[in-house]
C-alpha atoms as a PDB file:
ATOM      1  CA  MET A   1       3.210 -15.987 -13.763  1.00  0.00           C
ATOM      2  CA  PRO A   2       1.624 -15.143 -10.263  1.00  0.00           C
ATOM      3  CA  LEU A   3       2.085 -12.172  -8.349  1.00  0.00           C
ATOM      4  CA  ASP A   4       4.631 -12.199  -6.032  1.00  0.00           C
ATOM      5  CA  TYR A   5       6.054 -15.671  -7.993  1.00  0.00           C
ATOM      6  CA  LEU A   6       9.508 -14.291  -9.076  1.00  0.00           C
ATOM      7  CA  PRO A   7      11.280 -16.776 -10.218  1.00  0.00           C
ATOM      8  CA  THR A   8      14.053 -19.020  -8.616  1.00  0.00           C
ATOM      9  CA  PRO A   9      17.210 -19.377 -10.819  1.00  0.00           C
ATOM     10  CA  GLU A  10      16.126 -22.564 -12.205  1.00  0.00           C
ATOM     11  CA  GLY A  11      13.408 -20.379 -13.358  1.00  0.00           C
ATOM     12  CA  GLN A  12      10.524 -22.076 -11.167  1.00  0.00           C
ATOM     13  CA  ALA A  13       7.913 -20.792  -8.722  1.00  0.00           C
ATOM     14  CA  ASP A  14       8.611 -20.311  -4.859  1.00  0.00           C
ATOM     15  CA  LEU A  15       6.270 -22.650  -3.659  1.00  0.00           C
ATOM     16  CA  LYS A  16       5.763 -21.572  -0.083  1.00  0.00           C
ATOM     17  CA  MET A  17       2.992 -18.855  -1.315  1.00  0.00           C
ATOM     18  CA  THR A  18       0.071 -20.769  -2.465  1.00  0.00           C
ATOM     19  CA  ARG A  19      -3.213 -19.767  -3.484  1.00  0.00           C
ATOM     20  CA  ARG A  20      -5.708 -21.757  -1.545  1.00  0.00           C
ATOM     21  CA  THR A  21      -9.915 -21.861  -1.582  1.00  0.00           C
ATOM     22  CA  LEU A  22     -11.972 -18.633  -0.748  1.00  0.00           C
ATOM     23  CA  GLY A  23     -13.388 -20.505   2.218  1.00  0.00           C
ATOM     24  CA  GLY A  24     -10.407 -20.471   3.805  1.00  0.00           C
ATOM     25  CA  LEU A  25     -10.257 -16.843   3.821  1.00  0.00           C
ATOM     26  CA  MET A  26     -11.167 -13.754   6.311  1.00  0.00           C
ATOM     27  CA  PHE A  27     -12.825 -11.503   3.831  1.00  0.00           C
ATOM     28  CA  THR A  28     -15.722  -9.932   5.279  1.00  0.00           C
ATOM     29  CA  GLY A  29     -18.004  -6.815   4.708  1.00  0.00           C
ATOM     30  CA  TYR A  30     -17.887  -4.921   1.309  1.00  0.00           C
ATOM     31  CA  ALA A  31     -14.187  -6.533   0.364  1.00  0.00           C
ATOM     32  CA  ALA A  32     -16.259 -10.121   0.653  1.00  0.00           C
ATOM     33  CA  ALA A  33     -18.875  -8.473  -2.366  1.00  0.00           C
ATOM     34  CA  ALA A  34     -15.817  -7.511  -4.614  1.00  0.00           C
ATOM     35  CA  LEU A  35     -14.485 -11.043  -4.915  1.00  0.00           C
ATOM     36  CA  GLY A  36     -14.734 -12.271  -8.283  1.00  0.00           C
ATOM     37  CA  ALA A  37     -15.831 -15.648  -9.223  1.00  0.00           C
ATOM     38  CA  GLU A  38     -12.891 -16.824 -10.345  1.00  0.00           C
ATOM     39  CA  ALA A  39     -10.795 -15.269  -7.761  1.00  0.00           C
ATOM     40  CA  GLN A  40      -8.071 -16.998  -5.944  1.00  0.00           C
ATOM     41  CA  PRO A  41      -7.217 -14.272  -3.615  1.00  0.00           C
ATOM     42  CA  ILE A  42      -3.172 -14.823  -3.238  1.00  0.00           C
ATOM     43  CA  VAL A  43      -2.551 -16.648   0.937  1.00  0.00           C
ATOM     44  CA  THR A  44       0.707 -16.336   2.468  1.00  0.00           C
ATOM     45  CA  ASP A  45       1.400 -18.977   4.876  1.00  0.00           C
ATOM     46  CA  GLU A  46       2.907 -17.389   8.149  1.00  0.00           C
ATOM     47  CA  ALA A  47       6.176 -19.758   8.428  1.00  0.00           C
ATOM     48  CA  GLY A  48      10.034 -18.299   9.485  1.00  0.00           C
ATOM     49  CA  ILE A  49       7.460 -14.457  10.017  1.00  0.00           C
ATOM     50  CA  ILE A  50       5.627 -13.044  13.343  1.00  0.00           C
ATOM     51  CA  THR A  51       2.231 -11.555  12.974  1.00  0.00           C
ATOM     52  CA  ASP A  52      -0.092  -9.575  15.552  1.00  0.00           C
ATOM     53  CA  HIS A  53      -2.632  -6.803  15.402  1.00  0.00           C
ATOM     54  CA  VAL A  54      -1.441  -3.965  18.129  1.00  0.00           C
ATOM     55  CA  SER A  55      -2.360  -0.538  19.147  1.00  0.00           C
ATOM     56  CA  PHE A  56      -0.498   3.021  18.516  1.00  0.00           C
ATOM     57  CA  VAL A  57      -1.506   5.758  19.647  1.00  0.00           C
ATOM     58  CA  GLY A  58      -2.370   8.430  16.388  1.00  0.00           C
ATOM     59  CA  TRP A  59      -1.220  11.980  15.522  1.00  0.00           C
ATOM     60  CA  SER A  60      -3.885  14.425  14.423  1.00  0.00           C
ATOM     61  CA  GLU A  61      -4.685  18.085  14.539  1.00  0.00           C
ATOM     62  CA  GLY A  62      -1.459  18.646  16.593  1.00  0.00           C
ATOM     63  CA  ALA A  63      -2.192  16.291  19.711  1.00  0.00           C
ATOM     64  CA  TYR A  64      -2.203  12.700  20.131  1.00  0.00           C
ATOM     65  CA  ALA A  65      -5.061  10.731  18.824  1.00  0.00           C
ATOM     66  CA  PRO A  66      -6.668   7.661  21.003  1.00  0.00           C
ATOM     67  CA  SER A  67      -5.164   4.003  19.919  1.00  0.00           C
ATOM     68  CA  LEU A  68      -5.349   2.893  16.389  1.00  0.00           C
ATOM     69  CA  PRO A  69      -5.262  -0.249  15.662  1.00  0.00           C
ATOM     70  CA  ALA A  70      -2.543  -2.434  12.663  1.00  0.00           C
ATOM     71  CA  TYR A  71      -1.276  -5.740  11.580  1.00  0.00           C
ATOM     72  CA  VAL A  72       2.200  -5.553  11.775  1.00  0.00           C
ATOM     73  CA  ALA A  73       4.039  -8.912   9.530  1.00  0.00           C
ATOM     74  CA  ARG A  74       7.792  -9.435  10.438  1.00  0.00           C
ATOM     75  CA  PRO A  75      10.226 -12.333  10.075  1.00  0.00           C
ATOM     76  CA  GLU A  76      11.269 -14.160  12.530  1.00  0.00           C
ATOM     77  CA  GLY A  77      14.588 -13.674  14.842  1.00  0.00           C
ATOM     78  CA  SER A  78      15.564 -10.657  16.291  1.00  0.00           C
ATOM     79  CA  GLY A  79      16.697  -8.325  13.640  1.00  0.00           C
ATOM     80  CA  PRO A  80      16.425  -5.193  13.225  1.00  0.00           C
ATOM     81  CA  PHE A  81      15.299  -5.402   9.653  1.00  0.00           C
ATOM     82  CA  PRO A  82      13.815  -2.864   7.812  1.00  0.00           C
ATOM     83  CA  VAL A  83      10.016  -1.185   7.456  1.00  0.00           C
ATOM     84  CA  VAL A  84       7.422  -0.635   5.173  1.00  0.00           C
ATOM     85  CA  ILE A  85       4.483   0.873   5.857  1.00  0.00           C
ATOM     86  CA  VAL A  86       1.839  -0.604   4.273  1.00  0.00           C
ATOM     87  CA  VAL A  87      -1.304   1.812   3.242  1.00  0.00           C
ATOM     88  CA  SER A  88      -4.798   0.276   2.570  1.00  0.00           C
ATOM     89  CA  GLU A  89      -7.812   0.951  -0.113  1.00  0.00           C
ATOM     90  CA  ILE A  90     -10.787   2.711   0.999  1.00  0.00           C
ATOM     91  CA  PHE A  91     -11.953  -1.002   2.798  1.00  0.00           C
ATOM     92  CA  GLY A  92      -9.265  -1.340   5.610  1.00  0.00           C
ATOM     93  CA  LEU A  93      -7.844  -3.953   6.861  1.00  0.00           C
ATOM     94  CA  HIS A  94      -9.338  -7.196   5.496  1.00  0.00           C
ATOM     95  CA  ALA A  95      -7.417  -9.923   4.244  1.00  0.00           C
ATOM     96  CA  TYR A  96      -5.996  -8.388   1.038  1.00  0.00           C
ATOM     97  CA  ILE A  97      -3.637  -5.993   3.088  1.00  0.00           C
ATOM     98  CA  GLN A  98      -2.724  -8.107   5.586  1.00  0.00           C
ATOM     99  CA  ASP A  99      -1.674 -10.670   2.662  1.00  0.00           C
ATOM    100  CA  VAL A 100       0.007  -8.168   1.215  1.00  0.00           C
ATOM    101  CA  CYS A 101       1.891  -7.304   4.845  1.00  0.00           C
ATOM    102  CA  ARG A 102       3.401 -10.831   5.410  1.00  0.00           C
ATOM    103  CA  ARG A 103       4.333 -11.054   1.737  1.00  0.00           C
ATOM    104  CA  LEU A 104       6.588  -8.221   2.524  1.00  0.00           C
ATOM    105  CA  ALA A 105       7.677  -9.892   5.630  1.00  0.00           C
ATOM    106  CA  ARG A 106       8.796 -12.148   3.690  1.00  0.00           C
ATOM    107  CA  GLN A 107      10.826 -10.591   1.768  1.00  0.00           C
ATOM    108  CA  GLY A 108      12.781  -9.342   5.256  1.00  0.00           C
ATOM    109  CA  TYR A 109      10.553  -6.487   6.023  1.00  0.00           C
ATOM    110  CA  VAL A 110       8.832  -5.412   9.079  1.00  0.00           C
ATOM    111  CA  ALA A 111       5.588  -4.241   7.396  1.00  0.00           C
ATOM    112  CA  MET A 112       3.053  -1.923   8.852  1.00  0.00           C
ATOM    113  CA  ALA A 113      -0.414  -1.718   7.750  1.00  0.00           C
ATOM    114  CA  PRO A 114      -2.770   1.106   9.969  1.00  0.00           C
ATOM    115  CA  GLY A 115      -5.949   1.550  10.635  1.00  0.00           C
ATOM    116  CA  TYR A 116      -6.166   4.806   9.023  1.00  0.00           C
ATOM    117  CA  PHE A 117     -10.554   4.741   9.696  1.00  0.00           C
ATOM    118  CA  ALA A 118     -10.420   3.805  12.811  1.00  0.00           C
ATOM    119  CA  ARG A 119     -12.200   6.974  14.517  1.00  0.00           C
ATOM    120  CA  ALA A 120     -14.910   6.830  12.338  1.00  0.00           C
ATOM    121  CA  GLY A 121     -15.648   2.972  12.163  1.00  0.00           C
ATOM    122  CA  ASP A 122     -13.935  -0.590  10.109  1.00  0.00           C
ATOM    123  CA  PRO A 123     -14.447  -0.509   6.565  1.00  0.00           C
ATOM    124  CA  ALA A 124     -13.644  -3.917   6.929  1.00  0.00           C
ATOM    125  CA  VAL A 125     -16.820  -5.353   7.936  1.00  0.00           C
ATOM    126  CA  MET A 126     -19.361  -3.048   5.957  1.00  0.00           C
ATOM    127  CA  THR A 127     -21.499  -4.121   3.597  1.00  0.00           C
ATOM    128  CA  ASP A 128     -22.935  -0.764   2.303  1.00  0.00           C
ATOM    129  CA  PHE A 129     -20.407   1.470  -0.095  1.00  0.00           C
ATOM    130  CA  PRO A 130     -22.313   4.703   0.489  1.00  0.00           C
ATOM    131  CA  GLU A 131     -21.213   4.602   4.228  1.00  0.00           C
ATOM    132  CA  ILE A 132     -17.360   3.126   3.965  1.00  0.00           C
ATOM    133  CA  LEU A 133     -17.194   6.381   1.705  1.00  0.00           C
ATOM    134  CA  ALA A 134     -18.318   8.237   4.184  1.00  0.00           C
ATOM    135  CA  VAL A 135     -15.739   6.668   6.837  1.00  0.00           C
ATOM    136  CA  VAL A 136     -13.263   7.888   4.417  1.00  0.00           C
ATOM    137  CA  ARG A 137     -13.454  10.954   3.858  1.00  0.00           C
ATOM    138  CA  THR A 138     -13.671  11.702   7.610  1.00  0.00           C
ATOM    139  CA  ALA A 139      -9.365  11.261   7.294  1.00  0.00           C
ATOM    140  CA  THR A 140      -8.383  14.125   6.185  1.00  0.00           C
ATOM    141  CA  HIS A 141      -4.957  14.426   4.760  1.00  0.00           C
ATOM    142  CA  ALA A 142      -3.393  16.323   7.869  1.00  0.00           C
ATOM    143  CA  GLN A 143      -4.850  13.179  10.110  1.00  0.00           C
ATOM    144  CA  VAL A 144      -3.016  10.561   7.619  1.00  0.00           C
ATOM    145  CA  MET A 145      -0.388  12.149   7.450  1.00  0.00           C
ATOM    146  CA  GLY A 146       0.183  12.841  11.064  1.00  0.00           C
ATOM    147  CA  ASP A 147      -0.513   8.902  11.508  1.00  0.00           C
ATOM    148  CA  THR A 148       1.049   7.626   9.384  1.00  0.00           C
ATOM    149  CA  GLY A 149       4.312   9.447  11.205  1.00  0.00           C
ATOM    150  CA  ALA A 150       2.939   7.618  14.422  1.00  0.00           C
ATOM    151  CA  ALA A 151       3.469   4.774  13.004  1.00  0.00           C
ATOM    152  CA  VAL A 152       6.109   5.018  12.260  1.00  0.00           C
ATOM    153  CA  GLN A 153       7.236   6.088  15.616  1.00  0.00           C
ATOM    154  CA  TRP A 154       5.753   3.886  17.334  1.00  0.00           C
ATOM    155  CA  LEU A 155       7.720   0.891  15.263  1.00  0.00           C
ATOM    156  CA  GLU A 156      10.850   3.231  16.255  1.00  0.00           C
ATOM    157  CA  SER A 157      10.454   2.195  19.576  1.00  0.00           C
ATOM    158  CA  GLN A 158      10.271  -1.481  18.723  1.00  0.00           C
ATOM    159  CA  SER A 159      13.403  -3.066  18.896  1.00  0.00           C
ATOM    160  CA  TRP A 160      13.208  -5.429  15.580  1.00  0.00           C
ATOM    161  CA  ALA A 161      12.207  -2.796  13.275  1.00  0.00           C
ATOM    162  CA  ASP A 162      15.075  -0.499  11.834  1.00  0.00           C
ATOM    163  CA  VAL A 163      13.049   3.385  10.857  1.00  0.00           C
ATOM    164  CA  SER A 164      16.161   4.212   9.393  1.00  0.00           C
ATOM    165  CA  ARG A 165      15.909   2.269   6.877  1.00  0.00           C
ATOM    166  CA  ALA A 166      11.614   2.918   5.669  1.00  0.00           C
ATOM    167  CA  GLY A 167       9.261   2.351   2.698  1.00  0.00           C
ATOM    168  CA  ILE A 168       5.777   2.771   2.301  1.00  0.00           C
ATOM    169  CA  THR A 169       3.301   1.330  -0.002  1.00  0.00           C
ATOM    170  CA  GLY A 170      -0.134   2.038  -1.083  1.00  0.00           C
ATOM    171  CA  PHE A 171      -3.263   0.970  -3.453  1.00  0.00           C
ATOM    172  CA  CYS A 172      -5.911   3.232  -4.756  1.00  0.00           C
ATOM    173  CA  TRP A 173      -6.961   5.052  -1.819  1.00  0.00           C
ATOM    174  CA  GLY A 174      -3.349   4.291  -0.044  1.00  0.00           C
ATOM    175  CA  GLY A 175      -1.346   4.973  -3.383  1.00  0.00           C
ATOM    176  CA  THR A 176      -2.040   8.450  -3.419  1.00  0.00           C
ATOM    177  CA  VAL A 177      -1.107   8.903   0.133  1.00  0.00           C
ATOM    178  CA  VAL A 178       2.172   6.868  -0.955  1.00  0.00           C
ATOM    179  CA  TRP A 179       3.102   9.975  -2.896  1.00  0.00           C
ATOM    180  CA  MET A 180       2.029  12.400  -0.332  1.00  0.00           C
ATOM    181  CA  ALA A 181       3.644  10.692   2.860  1.00  0.00           C
ATOM    182  CA  CYS A 182       6.949  10.315   0.656  1.00  0.00           C
ATOM    183  CA  ALA A 183       7.451  14.371   0.443  1.00  0.00           C
ATOM    184  CA  ALA A 184       6.362  14.736   3.940  1.00  0.00           C
ATOM    185  CA  HIS A 185       7.973  11.895   5.310  1.00  0.00           C
ATOM    186  CA  ASP A 186      11.598  10.740   5.585  1.00  0.00           C
ATOM    187  CA  PHE A 187      11.120   7.675   3.495  1.00  0.00           C
ATOM    188  CA  LYS A 188      13.746   6.073   1.408  1.00  0.00           C
ATOM    189  CA  ALA A 189      11.394   4.462  -1.182  1.00  0.00           C
ATOM    190  CA  GLY A 190       8.036   4.706  -2.119  1.00  0.00           C
ATOM    191  CA  ALA A 191       5.501   2.615  -4.500  1.00  0.00           C
ATOM    192  CA  ALA A 192       1.769   3.887  -5.294  1.00  0.00           C
ATOM    193  CA  PHE A 193      -0.455   1.672  -6.948  1.00  0.00           C
ATOM    194  CA  TYR A 194      -3.194   3.306  -8.877  1.00  0.00           C
ATOM    195  CA  GLY A 195      -3.854   6.637  -6.404  1.00  0.00           C
ATOM    196  CA  ARG A 196      -4.926   9.992  -7.650  1.00  0.00           C
ATOM    197  CA  LEU A 197      -2.985  12.380  -8.709  1.00  0.00           C
ATOM    198  CA  VAL A 198      -5.062  15.586  -8.995  1.00  0.00           C
ATOM    199  CA  ALA A 199      -7.899  16.667  -6.735  1.00  0.00           C
ATOM    200  CA  PRO A 200     -11.147  14.894  -7.917  1.00  0.00           C
ATOM    201  CA  ALA A 201     -14.551  16.860  -9.547  1.00  0.00           C
ATOM    202  CA  GLN A 202     -16.390  16.677  -6.738  1.00  0.00           C
ATOM    203  CA  ASN A 203     -15.991  16.193  -3.121  1.00  0.00           C
ATOM    204  CA  ALA A 204     -12.331  16.917  -3.369  1.00  0.00           C
ATOM    205  CA  GLU A 205     -11.173  18.116   1.030  1.00  0.00           C
ATOM    206  CA  GLU A 206     -10.784  21.997   0.892  1.00  0.00           C
ATOM    207  CA  GLY A 207      -7.229  23.618   0.716  1.00  0.00           C
ATOM    208  CA  ARG A 208      -5.229  20.291   0.231  1.00  0.00           C
ATOM    209  CA  ARG A 209      -2.228  19.583  -1.948  1.00  0.00           C
ATOM    210  CA  TRP A 210      -1.996  16.254  -4.619  1.00  0.00           C
ATOM    211  CA  PRO A 211       0.620  14.296  -5.731  1.00  0.00           C
ATOM    212  CA  VAL A 212       1.112  16.657  -8.945  1.00  0.00           C
ATOM    213  CA  ASP A 213       1.111  19.723  -6.556  1.00  0.00           C
ATOM    214  CA  ILE A 214       4.102  18.499  -4.294  1.00  0.00           C
ATOM    215  CA  ALA A 215       6.074  16.529  -7.394  1.00  0.00           C
ATOM    216  CA  ALA A 216       9.504  19.139  -6.507  1.00  0.00           C
ATOM    217  CA  ASN A 217       8.816  18.080  -2.716  1.00  0.00           C
ATOM    218  CA  LEU A 218       9.337  14.600  -2.741  1.00  0.00           C
ATOM    219  CA  ARG A 219      12.683  13.224  -1.004  1.00  0.00           C
ATOM    220  CA  CYS A 220      12.905   9.750  -2.150  1.00  0.00           C
ATOM    221  CA  PRO A 221      12.503   7.229  -5.122  1.00  0.00           C
ATOM    222  CA  VAL A 222       8.760   6.963  -5.930  1.00  0.00           C
ATOM    223  CA  LEU A 223       7.514   4.129  -8.192  1.00  0.00           C
ATOM    224  CA  GLY A 224       3.848   4.594  -9.728  1.00  0.00           C
ATOM    225  CA  PHE A 225       1.692   1.865 -11.194  1.00  0.00           C
ATOM    226  CA  TYR A 226      -1.582   2.815 -13.389  1.00  0.00           C
ATOM    227  CA  GLY A 227      -3.993   1.063 -15.349  1.00  0.00           C
ATOM    228  CA  GLU A 228      -4.437   1.530 -19.102  1.00  0.00           C
ATOM    229  CA  VAL A 229      -8.729   1.788 -18.833  1.00  0.00           C
ATOM    230  CA  ASP A 230      -8.656   2.957 -15.005  1.00  0.00           C
ATOM    231  CA  GLN A 231     -11.779   4.990 -15.468  1.00  0.00           C
ATOM    232  CA  GLY A 232     -11.253   7.092 -12.291  1.00  0.00           C
ATOM    233  CA  ILE A 233      -7.631   7.711 -12.969  1.00  0.00           C
ATOM    234  CA  PRO A 234      -7.566   9.358 -16.957  1.00  0.00           C
ATOM    235  CA  LEU A 235      -4.210   8.443 -18.670  1.00  0.00           C
ATOM    236  CA  ALA A 236      -4.594  12.494 -18.878  1.00  0.00           C
ATOM    237  CA  THR A 237      -3.981  12.893 -15.204  1.00  0.00           C
ATOM    238  CA  VAL A 238      -0.808  10.110 -15.312  1.00  0.00           C
ATOM    239  CA  GLU A 239       1.165  12.594 -17.902  1.00  0.00           C
ATOM    240  CA  GLN A 240      -0.174  15.095 -15.790  1.00  0.00           C
ATOM    241  CA  MET A 241       2.587  14.269 -12.829  1.00  0.00           C
ATOM    242  CA  ARG A 242       5.132  12.894 -15.724  1.00  0.00           C
ATOM    243  CA  ALA A 243       5.158  16.264 -15.881  1.00  0.00           C
ATOM    244  CA  ALA A 244       5.532  17.757 -12.957  1.00  0.00           C
ATOM    245  CA  LEU A 245       7.881  15.181 -12.013  1.00  0.00           C
ATOM    246  CA  ALA A 246      10.243  15.948 -15.339  1.00  0.00           C
ATOM    247  CA  SER A 247       9.324  20.006 -14.749  1.00  0.00           C
ATOM    248  CA  ALA A 248      11.250  19.006 -11.168  1.00  0.00           C
ATOM    249  CA  GLY A 249      14.022  16.641 -12.111  1.00  0.00           C
ATOM    250  CA  LYS A 250      12.703  13.748 -10.530  1.00  0.00           C
ATOM    251  CA  GLU A 251      14.533  11.460 -12.833  1.00  0.00           C
ATOM    252  CA  ASP A 252      14.295   9.016  -9.823  1.00  0.00           C
ATOM    253  CA  CYS A 253      11.103   8.793 -10.179  1.00  0.00           C
ATOM    254  CA  GLN A 254       8.839   6.721 -12.529  1.00  0.00           C
ATOM    255  CA  ILE A 255       5.284   5.865 -13.616  1.00  0.00           C
ATOM    256  CA  THR A 256       4.379   2.229 -15.706  1.00  0.00           C
ATOM    257  CA  VAL A 257       1.543   2.088 -17.074  1.00  0.00           C
ATOM    258  CA  TYR A 258      -0.212  -0.663 -18.175  1.00  0.00           C
ATOM    259  CA  PRO A 259      -1.946  -1.864 -21.016  1.00  0.00           C
ATOM    260  CA  GLY A 260      -5.216  -3.225 -20.937  1.00  0.00           C
ATOM    261  CA  ALA A 261      -5.025  -2.630 -16.782  1.00  0.00           C
ATOM    262  CA  ASP A 262      -7.450  -1.376 -14.660  1.00  0.00           C
ATOM    263  CA  HIS A 263      -7.864  -0.402 -11.211  1.00  0.00           C
ATOM    264  CA  GLY A 264      -7.480  -2.690  -8.737  1.00  0.00           C
ATOM    265  CA  PHE A 265      -5.433  -4.872 -10.675  1.00  0.00           C
ATOM    266  CA  HIS A 266      -3.236  -5.768  -8.280  1.00  0.00           C
ATOM    267  CA  ALA A 267      -6.113  -6.778  -6.001  1.00  0.00           C
ATOM    268  CA  ASP A 268      -5.875 -10.190  -6.668  1.00  0.00           C
ATOM    269  CA  TYR A 269      -9.731 -10.636  -4.889  1.00  0.00           C
ATOM    270  CA  ARG A 270     -11.329  -8.731  -7.446  1.00  0.00           C
ATOM    271  CA  PRO A 271     -12.482  -9.514 -11.086  1.00  0.00           C
ATOM    272  CA  MET A 272      -9.952  -6.758 -13.127  1.00  0.00           C
ATOM    273  CA  TYR A 273      -6.654  -8.813 -11.268  1.00  0.00           C
ATOM    274  CA  ASP A 274      -4.794  -8.819 -14.020  1.00  0.00           C
ATOM    275  CA  GLU A 275      -1.774 -11.207 -12.941  1.00  0.00           C
ATOM    276  CA  ALA A 276       0.907  -9.976 -15.244  1.00  0.00           C
ATOM    277  CA  ALA A 277       0.353  -6.334 -14.256  1.00  0.00           C
ATOM    278  CA  ALA A 278       0.285  -7.642 -10.803  1.00  0.00           C
ATOM    279  CA  ALA A 279       3.322  -9.621 -11.158  1.00  0.00           C
ATOM    280  CA  ASP A 280       5.550  -6.904 -12.939  1.00  0.00           C
ATOM    281  CA  ALA A 281       4.465  -3.958 -10.374  1.00  0.00           C
ATOM    282  CA  TRP A 282       5.606  -6.460  -7.559  1.00  0.00           C
ATOM    283  CA  GLY A 283       9.038  -7.281  -9.130  1.00  0.00           C
ATOM    284  CA  ARG A 284       9.500  -3.353  -9.215  1.00  0.00           C
ATOM    285  CA  LEU A 285       8.813  -2.719  -6.214  1.00  0.00           C
ATOM    286  CA  SER A 286      10.649  -5.590  -4.548  1.00  0.00           C
ATOM    287  CA  ASN A 287      13.537  -4.620  -6.730  1.00  0.00           C
ATOM    288  CA  LEU A 288      13.291  -0.941  -5.778  1.00  0.00           C
ATOM    289  CA  PHE A 289      12.831  -1.932  -1.653  1.00  0.00           C
ATOM    290  CA  SER A 290      15.910  -3.999  -2.384  1.00  0.00           C
ATOM    291  CA  ASP A 291      18.103  -0.940  -3.194  1.00  0.00           C
ATOM    292  CA  GLN A 292      17.058   1.517  -1.105  1.00  0.00           C
ATOM    293  CA  LEU A 293      15.648  -0.458   1.958  1.00  0.00           C
ATOM    294  CA  GLY A 294      17.888  -3.442   2.273  1.00  0.00           C
ATOM    295  CA  GLY A 295      15.612  -6.320   2.014  1.00  0.00           C
ATOM    296  CA  ARG A 296      15.181  -9.111   0.060  1.00  0.00           C
ATOM    297  CA  VAL A 297      13.992  -9.469  -4.052  1.00  0.00           C
ATOM    298  CA  ALA A 298      11.600 -12.773  -3.492  1.00  0.00           C
END
């Protein structure tokens, strides 16, 4: 079953979600190079939703920062609708992340993907991987937590957004942000896709904490989704996180490991995309957000 095609009562796919040929997609930069030869990325049309590129004032080092870009997708109508912050991979606000926002909008959420890296550059248009990493490393933990709060604050000023019902999801780099943000902010639910759980052996930001360090501080249910053969996130670190959650009594936080799945298994434009794992994870995310935020299960 393709990603985001949850069964209808008749067992048929929701045909409003379609796949288009690669020629119609807006992948640029390094993300384009990551397209698998047989990839058919999901493209969600805008029927019934409103999309926009906006800017909001970030927050860093205890002060307001220059305006940052964001992509927003929301249902048509006055709302107010529950909110989901979507945290990108290291490749920034490219077509895949924008489509995730549209999928969530189709389920009744205001989905906002902030441009966390914009102070240093736009990874979505870069083609050199070391250059992308250099930009990503400028986004410190404190800055990212501040910008996440600032994004929610911007949404609070919009009449169609109900930030009292706010959740967060993210992928890879963004998956780690989800865990951390659910301890730092008042989210009602989080869904973290293959985010690092412990400090890396090299190039770790000095003094910062990681998900395994803040398990006891989580303020809401968080679901973690990981791949069995992910070489960047060893299963031993997943077990460390599970142990930390159990020790803290966080029974509403669960981690699912998908057999045979690799890092990036939800990214439908990449060779490691795993349709079954992606569909199952999205179904779990949908049920969690519906229960905690009040949106719809697709």
